[in-house]
Amino acid sequence: MQTNTNNNINDQLNPLSPDWLINFVDIYQTLSATNLNLLETIYHPSITFIDPMHKVEGINNLVNYFENLYTNLSCCDFVITNIINEGDEAAIYWTMTYQHSKLNKGEAVTVLGSSYIKGADDKVIYHRDYLDLGSMLYEQLPLIGKFIKWIKVKAAN
């Protein structure tokens, strides 16, 4: 099993790491609204992509999903902080920073998360994201956000 933790995660990938994983890491850290065509180079045509809000099947649907997502964002950056790889599976740990004009008063929001991915035919065929949807979205809404944060504080005490 390969585990990597480093600020420059690309330097930590083993030369024996599968190509699909190396490509995924390289592209995800540079992904933007202007290069979403790169998704087709890392994802299998039969990709299953799951996040806390959606399940998307197939590369065309995934590209459309990302296009809609990135259209509403001022920016969205991923920094991969750790990779655990075993065979055709990997766990990716990341920090996402995004900006949306209607969330968090237009200020940047940072969310920690992880992805479980599987490779097949030198591409990612399965991708599931795990993250705190409350801190990513609900807490950033003007009215509901204060209430959600209050609930979290009460639950912690």
N, C-alpha and C. Protein backbone atom coordinates (compact mmCIF):
# COMPACT_ATOMS: atom_id res chain seq x y z
N MET A 1 0.85 -1.17 0.00
CA MET A 1 0.00 0.00 0.00
C MET A 1 0.90 1.23 0.00
N GLN A 2 0.51 2.23 -0.78
CA GLN A 2 1.27 3.45 -0.89
C GLN A 2 0.52 4.59 -0.21
N THR A 3 1.18 5.31 0.69
CA THR A 3 0.60 6.46 1.35
C THR A 3 1.51 7.64 1.15
N ASN A 4 0.94 8.79 0.77
CA ASN A 4 1.73 9.99 0.53
C ASN A 4 1.12 11.16 1.26
N THR A 5 1.92 11.87 2.03
CA THR A 5 1.49 13.14 2.59
C THR A 5 2.61 14.13 2.37
N ASN A 6 2.30 15.22 1.65
CA ASN A 6 3.31 16.21 1.34
C ASN A 6 2.62 17.39 0.71
N ASN A 7 3.19 18.58 0.87
CA ASN A 7 2.62 19.76 0.24
C ASN A 7 2.68 19.66 -1.28
N ASN A 8 3.71 19.07 -1.82
CA ASN A 8 3.79 18.86 -3.26
C ASN A 8 3.52 17.39 -3.53
N ILE A 9 2.26 17.05 -3.61
CA ILE A 9 1.84 15.65 -3.69
C ILE A 9 2.36 14.98 -4.96
N ASN A 10 2.52 15.74 -6.04
CA ASN A 10 3.01 15.15 -7.29
C ASN A 10 4.40 14.55 -7.11
N ASP A 11 5.24 15.17 -6.27
CA ASP A 11 6.58 14.65 -6.02
C ASP A 11 6.55 13.35 -5.24
N GLN A 12 5.45 13.09 -4.56
CA GLN A 12 5.35 11.93 -3.71
C GLN A 12 4.75 10.71 -4.41
N LEU A 13 4.18 10.91 -5.60
CA LEU A 13 3.64 9.75 -6.31
C LEU A 13 4.78 8.84 -6.73
N ASN A 14 4.62 7.59 -6.47
CA ASN A 14 5.60 6.58 -6.81
C ASN A 14 5.63 6.37 -8.31
N PRO A 15 6.79 6.19 -8.91
CA PRO A 15 6.83 5.90 -10.35
C PRO A 15 6.01 4.67 -10.73
N LEU A 16 5.73 3.82 -9.76
CA LEU A 16 4.93 2.63 -10.02
C LEU A 16 3.43 2.88 -9.82
N SER A 17 3.07 4.11 -9.41
CA SER A 17 1.65 4.44 -9.26
C SER A 17 0.97 4.28 -10.61
N PRO A 18 -0.28 3.83 -10.62
CA PRO A 18 -0.97 3.64 -11.90
C PRO A 18 -1.13 4.97 -12.65
N ASP A 19 -1.07 4.89 -13.97
CA ASP A 19 -1.19 6.09 -14.80
C ASP A 19 -2.49 6.84 -14.52
N TRP A 20 -3.59 6.11 -14.31
CA TRP A 20 -4.87 6.79 -14.09
C TRP A 20 -4.83 7.65 -12.83
N LEU A 21 -4.09 7.21 -11.82
CA LEU A 21 -3.98 7.97 -10.58
C LEU A 21 -3.09 9.20 -10.77
N ILE A 22 -1.97 9.02 -11.42
CA ILE A 22 -1.06 10.14 -11.69
C ILE A 22 -1.78 11.22 -12.50
N ASN A 23 -2.49 10.80 -13.55
CA ASN A 23 -3.23 11.75 -14.39
C ASN A 23 -4.32 12.46 -13.59
N PHE A 24 -5.04 11.71 -12.77
CA PHE A 24 -6.11 12.29 -11.94
C PHE A 24 -5.55 13.39 -11.04
N VAL A 25 -4.48 13.10 -10.34
CA VAL A 25 -3.87 14.06 -9.41
C VAL A 25 -3.39 15.30 -10.17
N ASP A 26 -2.71 15.10 -11.28
CA ASP A 26 -2.20 16.23 -12.07
C ASP A 26 -3.34 17.13 -12.55
N ILE A 27 -4.37 16.55 -13.10
CA ILE A 27 -5.45 17.34 -13.70
C ILE A 27 -6.35 17.97 -12.65
N TYR A 28 -6.67 17.24 -11.60
CA TYR A 28 -7.59 17.80 -10.59
C TYR A 28 -7.04 19.05 -9.93
N GLN A 29 -5.73 19.12 -9.78
CA GLN A 29 -5.14 20.28 -9.13
C GLN A 29 -5.04 21.48 -10.07
N THR A 30 -5.37 21.29 -11.35
CA THR A 30 -5.34 22.42 -12.29
C THR A 30 -6.71 22.66 -12.93
N LEU A 31 -7.70 21.89 -12.52
CA LEU A 31 -9.03 21.98 -13.12
C LEU A 31 -9.65 23.36 -12.92
N SER A 32 -10.26 23.88 -13.99
CA SER A 32 -10.94 25.18 -13.93
C SER A 32 -12.05 25.20 -14.97
N ALA A 33 -12.80 26.27 -14.98
CA ALA A 33 -13.90 26.41 -15.94
C ALA A 33 -13.39 26.41 -17.38
N THR A 34 -12.13 26.76 -17.58
CA THR A 34 -11.59 26.87 -18.94
C THR A 34 -10.99 25.57 -19.48
N ASN A 35 -10.86 24.56 -18.64
CA ASN A 35 -10.25 23.31 -19.13
C ASN A 35 -11.03 22.05 -18.75
N LEU A 36 -12.34 22.18 -18.64
CA LEU A 36 -13.15 21.03 -18.26
C LEU A 36 -13.11 19.90 -19.29
N ASN A 37 -12.65 20.20 -20.49
CA ASN A 37 -12.46 19.16 -21.50
C ASN A 37 -11.47 18.09 -21.03
N LEU A 38 -10.63 18.44 -20.06
CA LEU A 38 -9.66 17.48 -19.52
C LEU A 38 -10.31 16.34 -18.75
N LEU A 39 -11.55 16.55 -18.33
CA LEU A 39 -12.26 15.49 -17.60
C LEU A 39 -12.31 14.20 -18.42
N GLU A 40 -12.43 14.33 -19.73
CA GLU A 40 -12.51 13.15 -20.60
C GLU A 40 -11.19 12.39 -20.65
N THR A 41 -10.09 13.04 -20.26
CA THR A 41 -8.81 12.35 -20.27
C THR A 41 -8.56 11.55 -19.00
N ILE A 42 -9.32 11.85 -17.94
CA ILE A 42 -9.09 11.13 -16.68
C ILE A 42 -10.24 10.20 -16.30
N TYR A 43 -11.44 10.47 -16.85
CA TYR A 43 -12.60 9.65 -16.48
C TYR A 43 -12.99 8.70 -17.60
N HIS A 44 -13.32 7.50 -17.21
CA HIS A 44 -13.78 6.43 -18.10
C HIS A 44 -15.14 6.82 -18.71
N PRO A 45 -15.44 6.40 -19.94
CA PRO A 45 -16.76 6.71 -20.51
C PRO A 45 -17.93 6.24 -19.65
N SER A 46 -17.72 5.18 -18.86
CA SER A 46 -18.79 4.65 -18.00
C SER A 46 -18.64 5.09 -16.54
N ILE A 47 -18.06 6.25 -16.31
CA ILE A 47 -17.82 6.74 -14.95
C ILE A 47 -19.11 6.82 -14.13
N THR A 48 -18.99 6.44 -12.86
CA THR A 48 -20.02 6.71 -11.87
C THR A 48 -19.40 7.69 -10.89
N PHE A 49 -20.03 8.86 -10.78
CA PHE A 49 -19.53 9.93 -9.91
C PHE A 49 -20.62 10.25 -8.89
N ILE A 50 -20.24 10.20 -7.61
CA ILE A 50 -21.21 10.44 -6.53
C ILE A 50 -20.63 11.47 -5.58
N ASP A 51 -21.43 12.50 -5.29
CA ASP A 51 -21.09 13.43 -4.22
C ASP A 51 -22.31 13.55 -3.31
N PRO A 52 -22.25 14.32 -2.23
CA PRO A 52 -23.39 14.35 -1.30
C PRO A 52 -24.71 14.83 -1.91
N MET A 53 -24.67 15.47 -3.07
CA MET A 53 -25.91 15.97 -3.67
C MET A 53 -26.34 15.26 -4.94
N HIS A 54 -25.42 14.58 -5.62
CA HIS A 54 -25.74 14.03 -6.94
C HIS A 54 -25.09 12.68 -7.16
N LYS A 55 -25.69 11.93 -8.06
CA LYS A 55 -25.08 10.74 -8.63
C LYS A 55 -25.16 10.91 -10.14
N VAL A 56 -24.00 10.85 -10.79
CA VAL A 56 -23.91 11.10 -12.22
C VAL A 56 -23.31 9.87 -12.88
N GLU A 57 -23.93 9.42 -13.96
CA GLU A 57 -23.43 8.24 -14.69
C GLU A 57 -23.05 8.65 -16.11
N GLY A 58 -21.86 8.26 -16.55
CA GLY A 58 -21.43 8.51 -17.92
C GLY A 58 -20.65 9.81 -18.05
N ILE A 59 -19.67 9.80 -18.93
CA ILE A 59 -18.76 10.94 -19.08
C ILE A 59 -19.48 12.19 -19.58
N ASN A 60 -20.42 12.06 -20.51
CA ASN A 60 -21.12 13.24 -21.01
C ASN A 60 -21.93 13.93 -19.91
N ASN A 61 -22.61 13.15 -19.11
CA ASN A 61 -23.37 13.71 -17.98
C ASN A 61 -22.44 14.35 -16.96
N LEU A 62 -21.27 13.73 -16.75
CA LEU A 62 -20.32 14.29 -15.79
C LEU A 62 -19.77 15.63 -16.27
N VAL A 63 -19.42 15.71 -17.54
CA VAL A 63 -18.92 16.98 -18.09
C VAL A 63 -20.00 18.06 -17.96
N ASN A 64 -21.26 17.72 -18.27
CA ASN A 64 -22.36 18.68 -18.10
C ASN A 64 -22.51 19.12 -16.66
N TYR A 65 -22.39 18.17 -15.73
CA TYR A 65 -22.49 18.48 -14.30
C TYR A 65 -21.41 19.49 -13.90
N PHE A 66 -20.16 19.22 -14.31
CA PHE A 66 -19.07 20.13 -13.97
C PHE A 66 -19.22 21.49 -14.64
N GLU A 67 -19.70 21.50 -15.89
CA GLU A 67 -19.92 22.78 -16.57
C GLU A 67 -20.94 23.63 -15.81
N ASN A 68 -22.02 23.02 -15.37
CA ASN A 68 -23.03 23.75 -14.59
C ASN A 68 -22.47 24.21 -13.25
N LEU A 69 -21.70 23.36 -12.62
CA LEU A 69 -21.11 23.68 -11.32
C LEU A 69 -20.15 24.86 -11.44
N TYR A 70 -19.24 24.80 -12.40
CA TYR A 70 -18.21 25.83 -12.55
C TYR A 70 -18.76 27.14 -13.10
N THR A 71 -19.89 27.10 -13.79
CA THR A 71 -20.50 28.32 -14.33
C THR A 71 -20.86 29.29 -13.22
N ASN A 72 -21.28 28.78 -12.07
CA ASN A 72 -21.74 29.62 -10.97
C ASN A 72 -20.64 30.01 -9.98
N LEU A 73 -19.43 29.54 -10.20
CA LEU A 73 -18.34 29.81 -9.26
C LEU A 73 -17.37 30.84 -9.82
N SER A 74 -16.89 31.71 -8.94
CA SER A 74 -15.83 32.65 -9.34
C SER A 74 -14.51 31.91 -9.45
N CYS A 75 -14.30 30.95 -8.55
CA CYS A 75 -13.11 30.10 -8.60
C CYS A 75 -13.38 28.83 -7.82
N CYS A 76 -12.61 27.81 -8.11
CA CYS A 76 -12.69 26.54 -7.39
C CYS A 76 -11.34 25.84 -7.55
N ASP A 77 -10.65 25.67 -6.44
CA ASP A 77 -9.32 25.06 -6.47
C ASP A 77 -9.26 23.87 -5.52
N PHE A 78 -8.56 22.84 -5.97
CA PHE A 78 -8.34 21.65 -5.14
C PHE A 78 -6.84 21.52 -4.85
N VAL A 79 -6.53 21.28 -3.60
CA VAL A 79 -5.16 20.95 -3.21
C VAL A 79 -5.23 19.55 -2.61
N ILE A 80 -4.57 18.61 -3.25
CA ILE A 80 -4.55 17.23 -2.76
C ILE A 80 -3.46 17.13 -1.71
N THR A 81 -3.84 16.67 -0.53
CA THR A 81 -2.93 16.65 0.61
C THR A 81 -2.42 15.26 0.97
N ASN A 82 -3.13 14.22 0.52
CA ASN A 82 -2.72 12.86 0.88
C ASN A 82 -3.34 11.88 -0.10
N ILE A 83 -2.59 10.83 -0.40
CA ILE A 83 -3.07 9.77 -1.28
C ILE A 83 -2.73 8.43 -0.65
N ILE A 84 -3.70 7.56 -0.60
CA ILE A 84 -3.47 6.18 -0.20
C ILE A 84 -3.89 5.32 -1.39
N ASN A 85 -2.97 4.54 -1.90
CA ASN A 85 -3.22 3.78 -3.12
C ASN A 85 -2.91 2.31 -2.90
N GLU A 86 -3.84 1.46 -3.33
CA GLU A 86 -3.65 0.02 -3.31
C GLU A 86 -4.26 -0.55 -4.58
N GLY A 87 -3.44 -1.03 -5.48
CA GLY A 87 -3.95 -1.62 -6.72
C GLY A 87 -4.74 -0.63 -7.55
N ASP A 88 -6.00 -1.00 -7.84
CA ASP A 88 -6.83 -0.15 -8.70
C ASP A 88 -7.75 0.77 -7.89
N GLU A 89 -7.41 0.99 -6.61
CA GLU A 89 -8.21 1.86 -5.76
C GLU A 89 -7.32 2.91 -5.09
N ALA A 90 -7.92 4.06 -4.79
CA ALA A 90 -7.17 5.09 -4.08
C ALA A 90 -8.13 5.93 -3.25
N ALA A 91 -7.62 6.41 -2.13
CA ALA A 91 -8.31 7.40 -1.31
C ALA A 91 -7.50 8.68 -1.46
N ILE A 92 -8.18 9.74 -1.83
CA ILE A 92 -7.56 11.03 -2.06
C ILE A 92 -8.11 12.00 -1.01
N TYR A 93 -7.25 12.66 -0.29
CA TYR A 93 -7.66 13.66 0.69
C TYR A 93 -7.32 15.03 0.15
N TRP A 94 -8.26 15.97 0.26
CA TRP A 94 -8.09 17.25 -0.41
C TRP A 94 -8.70 18.40 0.38
N THR A 95 -8.28 19.59 0.00
CA THR A 95 -8.87 20.83 0.48
C THR A 95 -9.39 21.57 -0.74
N MET A 96 -10.67 21.90 -0.71
CA MET A 96 -11.28 22.64 -1.81
C MET A 96 -11.56 24.06 -1.32
N THR A 97 -11.18 25.04 -2.13
CA THR A 97 -11.50 26.43 -1.85
C THR A 97 -12.29 26.94 -3.05
N TYR A 98 -13.47 27.48 -2.78
CA TYR A 98 -14.30 27.98 -3.86
C TYR A 98 -14.92 29.32 -3.48
N GLN A 99 -15.39 30.04 -4.49
CA GLN A 99 -16.04 31.32 -4.28
C GLN A 99 -17.31 31.37 -5.13
N HIS A 100 -18.40 31.75 -4.48
CA HIS A 100 -19.69 31.92 -5.15
C HIS A 100 -20.26 33.24 -4.68
N SER A 101 -20.74 34.05 -5.59
CA SER A 101 -21.19 35.40 -5.24
C SER A 101 -22.33 35.42 -4.23
N LYS A 102 -23.13 34.36 -4.16
CA LYS A 102 -24.29 34.35 -3.27
C LYS A 102 -24.07 33.57 -1.98
N LEU A 103 -22.88 33.06 -1.78
CA LEU A 103 -22.57 32.29 -0.58
C LEU A 103 -21.46 32.97 0.20
N ASN A 104 -21.57 32.97 1.51
CA ASN A 104 -20.54 33.51 2.40
C ASN A 104 -20.16 34.95 2.03
N LYS A 105 -21.16 35.73 1.65
CA LYS A 105 -20.97 37.13 1.26
C LYS A 105 -19.95 37.28 0.13
N GLY A 106 -19.87 36.26 -0.72
CA GLY A 106 -18.96 36.30 -1.85
C GLY A 106 -17.52 35.98 -1.51
N GLU A 107 -17.24 35.69 -0.24
CA GLU A 107 -15.88 35.37 0.19
C GLU A 107 -15.58 33.89 -0.06
N ALA A 108 -14.31 33.56 -0.08
CA ALA A 108 -13.89 32.17 -0.31
C ALA A 108 -14.35 31.26 0.82
N VAL A 109 -14.69 30.04 0.46
CA VAL A 109 -15.09 29.00 1.41
C VAL A 109 -14.11 27.84 1.25
N THR A 110 -13.60 27.33 2.36
CA THR A 110 -12.67 26.20 2.31
C THR A 110 -13.32 24.99 2.96
N VAL A 111 -13.23 23.86 2.28
CA VAL A 111 -13.87 22.62 2.74
C VAL A 111 -12.85 21.49 2.62
N LEU A 112 -12.75 20.70 3.67
CA LEU A 112 -11.92 19.49 3.63
C LEU A 112 -12.78 18.33 3.16
N GLY A 113 -12.20 17.44 2.38
CA GLY A 113 -12.94 16.28 1.92
C GLY A 113 -12.03 15.17 1.47
N SER A 114 -12.64 14.10 1.03
CA SER A 114 -11.89 12.97 0.51
C SER A 114 -12.68 12.33 -0.62
N SER A 115 -11.96 11.61 -1.44
CA SER A 115 -12.57 10.90 -2.56
C SER A 115 -12.06 9.46 -2.57
N TYR A 116 -12.97 8.56 -2.83
CA TYR A 116 -12.62 7.16 -3.07
C TYR A 116 -12.75 6.95 -4.56
N ILE A 117 -11.66 6.54 -5.21
CA ILE A 117 -11.70 6.36 -6.66
C ILE A 117 -11.18 4.97 -7.02
N LYS A 118 -11.69 4.47 -8.16
CA LYS A 118 -11.25 3.19 -8.72
C LYS A 118 -10.85 3.40 -10.17
N GLY A 119 -9.83 2.71 -10.58
CA GLY A 119 -9.36 2.82 -11.95
C GLY A 119 -9.70 1.58 -12.77
N ALA A 120 -9.90 1.80 -14.07
CA ALA A 120 -10.09 0.71 -15.03
C ALA A 120 -9.72 1.25 -16.40
N ASP A 121 -9.00 0.49 -17.16
CA ASP A 121 -8.61 0.90 -18.52
C ASP A 121 -7.88 2.24 -18.51
N ASP A 122 -7.00 2.43 -17.54
CA ASP A 122 -6.18 3.65 -17.40
C ASP A 122 -6.98 4.92 -17.17
N LYS A 123 -8.21 4.79 -16.66
CA LYS A 123 -9.02 5.96 -16.32
C LYS A 123 -9.79 5.68 -15.04
N VAL A 124 -10.32 6.74 -14.44
CA VAL A 124 -11.13 6.59 -13.24
C VAL A 124 -12.54 6.18 -13.66
N ILE A 125 -12.99 5.03 -13.14
CA ILE A 125 -14.32 4.53 -13.50
C ILE A 125 -15.34 4.75 -12.38
N TYR A 126 -14.85 5.00 -11.16
CA TYR A 126 -15.73 5.24 -10.02
C TYR A 126 -15.11 6.33 -9.16
N HIS A 127 -15.92 7.30 -8.78
CA HIS A 127 -15.44 8.43 -7.96
C HIS A 127 -16.55 8.80 -6.98
N ARG A 128 -16.24 8.69 -5.69
CA ARG A 128 -17.22 9.10 -4.67
C ARG A 128 -16.56 10.09 -3.73
N ASP A 129 -17.20 11.26 -3.59
CA ASP A 129 -16.70 12.32 -2.71
C ASP A 129 -17.39 12.26 -1.36
N TYR A 130 -16.60 12.50 -0.31
CA TYR A 130 -17.10 12.61 1.05
C TYR A 130 -16.69 13.98 1.59
N LEU A 131 -17.68 14.76 2.03
CA LEU A 131 -17.40 16.08 2.58
C LEU A 131 -18.57 16.53 3.43
N ASP A 132 -18.34 17.56 4.22
CA ASP A 132 -19.37 18.12 5.08
C ASP A 132 -20.20 19.11 4.26
N LEU A 133 -21.36 18.68 3.81
CA LEU A 133 -22.22 19.53 2.99
C LEU A 133 -22.69 20.76 3.76
N GLY A 134 -22.82 20.64 5.07
CA GLY A 134 -23.20 21.78 5.89
C GLY A 134 -22.18 22.90 5.78
N SER A 135 -20.89 22.57 5.98
CA SER A 135 -19.86 23.61 5.91
C SER A 135 -19.64 24.09 4.48
N MET A 136 -19.88 23.24 3.51
CA MET A 136 -19.70 23.64 2.12
C MET A 136 -20.82 24.54 1.61
N LEU A 137 -22.05 24.24 2.00
CA LEU A 137 -23.18 24.94 1.40
C LEU A 137 -24.12 25.58 2.42
N TYR A 138 -24.72 24.77 3.27
CA TYR A 138 -25.79 25.26 4.14
C TYR A 138 -25.33 26.39 5.06
N GLU A 139 -24.13 26.27 5.64
CA GLU A 139 -23.64 27.32 6.54
C GLU A 139 -23.31 28.62 5.80
N GLN A 140 -23.21 28.55 4.49
CA GLN A 140 -22.85 29.73 3.70
C GLN A 140 -24.08 30.51 3.23
N LEU A 141 -25.27 29.96 3.42
CA LEU A 141 -26.50 30.65 3.00
C LEU A 141 -26.84 31.76 3.99
N PRO A 142 -27.30 32.90 3.50
CA PRO A 142 -27.53 34.07 4.35
C PRO A 142 -28.38 33.82 5.59
N LEU A 143 -29.53 33.20 5.49
CA LEU A 143 -30.40 33.02 6.66
C LEU A 143 -30.19 31.69 7.35
N ILE A 144 -30.17 30.64 6.59
CA ILE A 144 -30.04 29.29 7.15
C ILE A 144 -28.67 29.09 7.79
N GLY A 145 -27.64 29.72 7.24
CA GLY A 145 -26.27 29.52 7.72
C GLY A 145 -26.09 29.79 9.19
N LYS A 146 -26.64 30.90 9.68
CA LYS A 146 -26.51 31.24 11.10
C LYS A 146 -27.20 30.19 11.96
N PHE A 147 -28.34 29.71 11.51
CA PHE A 147 -29.08 28.70 12.25
C PHE A 147 -28.31 27.38 12.30
N ILE A 148 -27.74 26.97 11.19
CA ILE A 148 -26.96 25.72 11.12
C ILE A 148 -25.75 25.82 12.05
N LYS A 149 -25.04 26.95 12.01
CA LYS A 149 -23.88 27.13 12.88
C LYS A 149 -24.30 27.08 14.35
N TRP A 150 -25.44 27.68 14.68
CA TRP A 150 -25.95 27.67 16.05
C TRP A 150 -26.24 26.23 16.50
N ILE A 151 -26.85 25.45 15.62
CA ILE A 151 -27.14 24.04 15.93
C ILE A 151 -25.84 23.28 16.18
N LYS A 152 -24.82 23.50 15.36
CA LYS A 152 -23.55 22.81 15.54
C LYS A 152 -22.92 23.15 16.90
N VAL A 153 -22.98 24.41 17.28
CA VAL A 153 -22.43 24.83 18.57
C VAL A 153 -23.19 24.15 19.70
N LYS A 154 -24.51 24.14 19.62
CA LYS A 154 -25.33 23.52 20.67
C LYS A 154 -25.08 22.01 20.74
N ALA A 155 -24.93 21.38 19.61
CA ALA A 155 -24.71 19.94 19.58
C ALA A 155 -23.34 19.58 20.16
N ALA A 156 -22.37 20.47 20.02
CA ALA A 156 -21.02 20.22 20.52
C ALA A 156 -20.92 20.39 22.03
N ASN A 157 -21.85 21.13 22.61
CA ASN A 157 -21.78 21.40 24.06
C ASN A 157 -22.63 20.44 24.86
